[in-house]
Amino acid sequence: MAKQQKKVPPRRATRRPVGKGPRREGGKKYTPRRKVCGFCVDKVEVIDYKNVDRLRRYISDRGKIEPRRKTGTCARHQRTLTTALKRARHVALLPYTSAHVRLQAS
């Protein structure tokens, strides 16, 4: 009895992987510019909780504190920034949540 061979479909041409982003000349990947701490640049010693205009930049539209990887603040200033934001919330200078979240919960 002769053995039957299985038919194997021909291989297709391989495609470029999806989701890798655009390639530049020479095959270099896109690297975003490194973020710099705004407090270190301005040589801020103490982050004041009463400076609401500056603190608003570090809160999301939902009222959450933005992480370091998004804002670019250094670890030292992120710790003092968090304390200042919490103090400003406690004294009602900043909201705990955004207005549309408070209206939906009611």
Protein backbone atom coordinates (compact mmCIF):
# COMPACT_ATOMS: atom_id res chain seq x y z
CA MET A 1 0.00 0.00 0.00
CA ALA A 2 1.36 3.38 -1.03
CA LYS A 3 1.41 6.16 1.54
CA GLN A 4 -0.59 9.28 0.60
CA GLN A 5 1.04 12.67 1.09
CA LYS A 6 -0.90 15.58 2.53
CA LYS A 7 -1.23 18.65 0.39
CA VAL A 8 0.34 21.69 2.03
CA PRO A 9 -0.90 25.11 0.85
CA PRO A 10 1.82 27.37 -0.55
CA ARG A 11 3.20 29.99 1.84
CA ARG A 12 2.09 33.55 1.38
CA ALA A 13 4.44 36.48 1.29
CA THR A 14 4.99 37.75 4.82
CA ARG A 15 3.48 41.10 5.67
CA ARG A 16 4.95 43.82 7.84
CA PRO A 17 3.82 43.49 11.48
CA VAL A 18 0.80 45.62 12.31
CA GLY A 19 1.05 48.32 14.96
CA LYS A 20 4.77 49.00 14.81
CA GLY A 21 4.36 52.58 13.59
CA PRO A 22 6.02 54.35 10.69
CA ARG A 23 9.61 53.54 9.91
CA ARG A 24 12.10 56.25 9.08
CA GLU A 25 15.07 56.05 6.80
CA GLY A 26 17.59 53.52 7.94
CA GLY A 27 15.01 51.51 9.92
CA LYS A 28 15.13 53.79 12.98
CA LYS A 29 12.11 53.72 15.26
CA TYR A 30 10.31 56.86 16.41
CA THR A 31 11.45 57.92 19.86
CA PRO A 32 9.51 60.68 21.60
CA ARG A 33 11.34 63.65 23.03
CA ARG A 34 12.24 63.23 26.70
CA LYS A 35 9.99 65.21 29.03
CA VAL A 36 11.57 67.62 31.47
CA CYS A 37 10.27 68.51 34.93
CA GLY A 38 8.69 71.98 34.77
CA PHE A 39 9.41 72.62 38.44
CA CYS A 40 13.12 71.84 38.05
CA VAL A 41 13.34 74.13 35.00
CA ASP A 42 11.74 77.01 36.94
CA LYS A 43 13.84 76.13 40.04
CA VAL A 44 10.77 75.91 42.27
CA GLU A 45 11.65 75.16 45.90
CA VAL A 46 8.13 74.71 47.28
CA ILE A 47 4.97 73.84 45.34
CA ASP A 48 2.24 76.10 46.71
CA TYR A 49 -1.25 74.58 46.99
CA LYS A 50 -2.78 78.06 46.49
CA ASN A 51 -1.33 78.37 42.97
CA VAL A 52 -4.41 76.78 41.37
CA ASP A 53 -3.59 77.77 37.79
CA ARG A 54 -0.36 75.79 37.86
CA LEU A 55 -1.89 72.82 39.69
CA ARG A 56 -4.72 72.43 37.15
CA ARG A 57 -2.20 71.34 34.51
CA TYR A 58 -1.48 68.21 36.54
CA ILE A 59 -5.09 67.06 36.90
CA SER A 60 -7.00 65.16 34.20
CA ASP A 61 -10.43 66.20 32.92
CA ARG A 62 -11.89 63.60 35.30
CA GLY A 63 -10.13 65.18 38.26
CA LYS A 64 -7.44 62.52 38.65
CA ILE A 65 -3.79 63.31 39.35
CA GLU A 66 -1.74 62.78 36.19
CA PRO A 67 1.15 60.27 36.43
CA ARG A 68 4.83 61.16 36.08
CA ARG A 69 5.18 59.39 32.76
CA LYS A 70 2.57 61.70 31.25
CA THR A 71 3.54 65.04 32.83
CA GLY A 72 7.30 64.57 32.94
CA THR A 73 7.77 65.72 36.53
CA CYS A 74 10.65 64.25 38.52
CA ALA A 75 9.98 61.93 41.48
CA ARG A 76 10.77 64.55 44.10
CA HIS A 77 8.43 67.15 42.65
CA GLN A 78 5.71 64.57 41.90
CA ARG A 79 5.55 63.72 45.62
CA THR A 80 5.24 67.37 46.66
CA LEU A 81 2.82 68.05 43.80
CA THR A 82 0.53 65.25 44.99
CA THR A 83 0.53 66.68 48.51
CA ALA A 84 -0.25 70.18 47.19
CA LEU A 85 -3.10 68.87 45.01
CA LYS A 86 -4.63 67.01 47.94
CA ARG A 87 -4.38 70.12 50.13
CA ALA A 88 -6.01 72.26 47.44
CA ARG A 89 -8.84 69.74 47.15
CA HIS A 90 -9.31 69.67 50.91
CA VAL A 91 -9.62 73.48 51.08
CA ALA A 92 -11.99 73.35 48.06
CA LEU A 93 -9.67 75.20 45.66
CA LEU A 94 -9.77 72.20 43.29
CA PRO A 95 -12.57 69.69 42.71
CA TYR A 96 -12.27 66.02 43.64
CA THR A 97 -14.17 65.08 40.47
CA SER A 98 -15.27 66.87 37.33
CA ALA A 99 -18.73 68.39 37.05
CA HIS A 100 -20.13 65.85 34.57
CA VAL A 101 -19.15 62.93 36.84
CA ARG A 102 -20.87 64.55 39.83
CA LEU A 103 -24.06 65.15 37.81
CA GLN A 104 -24.27 61.53 36.61
CA ALA A 105 -23.91 60.13 40.14
CA SER A 106 -26.88 62.14 41.48
